[in-house]
Amino acid sequence: MIKELKDFLFKGNVLDLAVAVVMGAAFNAIITSLVGDIITPLILNPVVKAANVENLSKLSWNGIAYGSFLSAVINFIIVGTTLFFVVKAASKATALSKKEAEDAAEAAGPSQEELLAEIRDLLANK
C-alpha cells in the first residue's frame, strides 16, 4: 500500500500539478500587485477621483459595490492574457525542440541496426 502511495505521489503528472499550483499562487501575488498597485491607480484613477472615493474597492452605485468586481475583472484579463502568451511561447519552444531533434536525427544518418539491415538485404539479393 505504501508502494502504491509512493508511485502515485511521485508520478510525473502529480508532481507537475503540484509545481503548477505553487507557481500559480506566486503568479497570482504578482498579478494582484500589478493590478492593485500599478494598473488601478493609472487607468482607473480618473474614475475613482470622479466618484470621490479613495479606494477602488469602495466604489459603489446605488448600494452596489462594483469596485472590487472591476479589480477582479482586470486581474482576470491580465492573468488570462499572460497565460495565453506563456502557453504560446511554450508551444513554439516545444515545436522548435522537436524540429531540432528531427534535424539532428536526419543529420546523424542511419542507425547501426538500419545499416546492418541494409547490408543483409544487399547480401540476400546477390
Protein backbone atom coordinates (compact mmCIF):
# COMPACT_ATOMS: atom_id res chain seq x y z
CA MET A 1 0.00 0.00 0.00
CA ILE A 2 2.86 2.40 0.78
CA LYS A 3 4.47 1.49 -2.55
CA GLU A 4 1.23 2.37 -4.35
CA LEU A 5 1.05 5.68 -2.50
CA LYS A 6 4.68 6.44 -3.36
CA ASP A 7 4.08 5.54 -7.01
CA PHE A 8 1.02 7.80 -7.10
CA LEU A 9 2.66 10.75 -5.37
CA PHE A 10 5.80 10.68 -7.45
CA LYS A 11 4.18 10.23 -10.84
CA GLY A 12 5.09 12.98 -13.26
CA ASN A 13 1.55 14.33 -13.51
CA VAL A 14 1.09 14.73 -9.76
CA LEU A 15 4.42 16.50 -9.36
CA ASP A 16 3.71 18.71 -12.36
CA LEU A 17 0.35 19.64 -10.89
CA ALA A 18 1.89 20.45 -7.51
CA VAL A 19 4.50 22.68 -9.14
CA ALA A 20 1.79 24.37 -11.20
CA VAL A 21 -0.29 25.14 -8.10
CA VAL A 22 2.67 26.67 -6.29
CA MET A 23 3.69 28.68 -9.35
CA GLY A 24 0.08 29.79 -9.83
CA ALA A 25 -0.10 31.09 -6.28
CA ALA A 26 3.15 33.04 -6.74
CA PHE A 27 1.97 34.33 -10.11
CA ASN A 28 -1.34 35.39 -8.56
CA ALA A 29 0.50 37.51 -5.99
CA ILE A 30 2.44 39.24 -8.76
CA ILE A 31 -0.67 39.93 -10.84
CA THR A 32 -2.67 41.11 -7.82
CA SER A 33 0.10 43.57 -7.01
CA LEU A 34 0.28 44.69 -10.65
CA VAL A 35 -3.45 45.36 -10.76
CA GLY A 36 -3.77 46.87 -7.29
CA ASP A 37 -0.60 48.94 -7.22
CA ILE A 38 0.02 49.93 -10.84
CA ILE A 39 -2.90 49.46 -13.24
CA THR A 40 -5.73 50.53 -10.95
CA PRO A 41 -4.08 53.84 -9.99
CA LEU A 42 -3.02 54.57 -13.58
CA ILE A 43 -6.14 53.60 -15.51
CA LEU A 44 -8.96 53.93 -13.00
CA ASN A 45 -7.65 56.94 -11.11
CA PRO A 46 -9.93 59.38 -13.01
CA VAL A 47 -12.97 57.20 -12.24
CA VAL A 48 -12.03 56.92 -8.60
CA LYS A 49 -11.49 60.70 -8.31
CA ALA A 50 -14.78 61.44 -10.11
CA ALA A 51 -16.61 59.22 -7.62
CA ASN A 52 -14.87 60.94 -4.68
CA VAL A 53 -13.55 57.60 -3.47
CA GLU A 54 -10.02 56.97 -2.25
CA ASN A 55 -10.03 53.21 -2.87
CA LEU A 56 -11.35 51.29 -5.88
CA SER A 57 -12.99 48.69 -3.66
CA LYS A 58 -15.17 51.43 -2.15
CA LEU A 59 -16.73 52.37 -5.50
CA SER A 60 -20.47 51.77 -5.43
CA TRP A 61 -23.61 52.76 -7.29
CA ASN A 62 -26.99 52.63 -5.55
CA GLY A 63 -25.52 50.41 -2.87
CA ILE A 64 -23.88 48.00 -5.33
CA ALA A 65 -20.15 47.84 -4.64
CA TYR A 66 -18.66 47.28 -8.08
CA GLY A 67 -15.11 48.47 -7.37
CA SER A 68 -13.87 45.09 -6.14
CA PHE A 69 -15.55 43.43 -9.11
CA LEU A 70 -13.76 45.79 -11.52
CA SER A 71 -10.46 44.97 -9.87
CA ALA A 72 -11.16 41.23 -10.14
CA VAL A 73 -12.12 41.56 -13.84
CA ILE A 74 -8.92 43.47 -14.60
CA ASN A 75 -6.96 40.84 -12.69
CA PHE A 76 -8.62 38.04 -14.68
CA ILE A 77 -7.94 39.71 -18.02
CA ILE A 78 -4.27 40.22 -17.18
CA VAL A 79 -3.82 36.65 -15.93
CA GLY A 80 -5.60 35.22 -18.97
CA THR A 81 -3.58 37.32 -21.40
CA THR A 82 -0.30 36.49 -19.70
CA LEU A 83 -1.07 32.77 -19.62
CA PHE A 84 -2.02 32.89 -23.30
CA PHE A 85 1.40 34.28 -24.18
CA VAL A 86 3.21 31.86 -21.86
CA VAL A 87 1.44 28.85 -23.40
CA LYS A 88 2.04 30.18 -26.90
CA ALA A 89 5.77 30.63 -26.19
CA ALA A 90 5.98 27.15 -24.63
CA SER A 91 4.27 25.62 -27.68
CA LYS A 92 6.67 27.40 -30.00
CA ALA A 93 9.66 26.26 -27.94
CA THR A 94 8.39 22.67 -27.97
CA ALA A 95 7.90 22.79 -31.74
CA LEU A 96 11.41 24.18 -32.22
CA SER A 97 12.84 21.50 -29.96
CA LYS A 98 11.07 18.75 -31.90
CA LYS A 99 12.27 20.22 -35.21
CA GLU A 100 15.85 20.39 -33.92
CA ALA A 101 15.65 16.77 -32.75
CA GLU A 102 14.31 15.66 -36.13
CA ASP A 103 17.03 17.61 -37.93
CA ALA A 104 19.69 16.08 -35.69
CA ALA A 105 18.31 12.60 -36.36
CA GLU A 106 18.40 13.21 -40.11
CA ALA A 107 21.93 14.63 -39.96
CA ALA A 108 23.19 11.70 -37.89
CA GLY A 109 22.35 9.30 -40.69
CA PRO A 110 21.08 5.74 -40.37
CA SER A 111 21.46 3.83 -37.13
CA GLN A 112 23.63 0.74 -36.76
CA GLU A 113 20.56 -1.51 -37.00
CA GLU A 114 19.45 0.19 -40.21
CA LEU A 115 22.90 -0.24 -41.74
CA LEU A 116 23.00 -3.94 -40.78
CA ALA A 117 19.53 -4.47 -42.22
CA GLU A 118 20.62 -2.76 -45.43
CA ILE A 119 23.74 -5.00 -45.67
CA ARG A 120 21.61 -8.06 -45.00
CA ASP A 121 19.21 -7.10 -47.78
CA LEU A 122 22.09 -6.49 -50.21
CA LEU A 123 23.61 -9.88 -49.40
CA ALA A 124 20.23 -11.58 -49.78
CA ASN A 125 19.79 -10.03 -53.25
CA LYS A 126 23.14 -11.43 -54.55
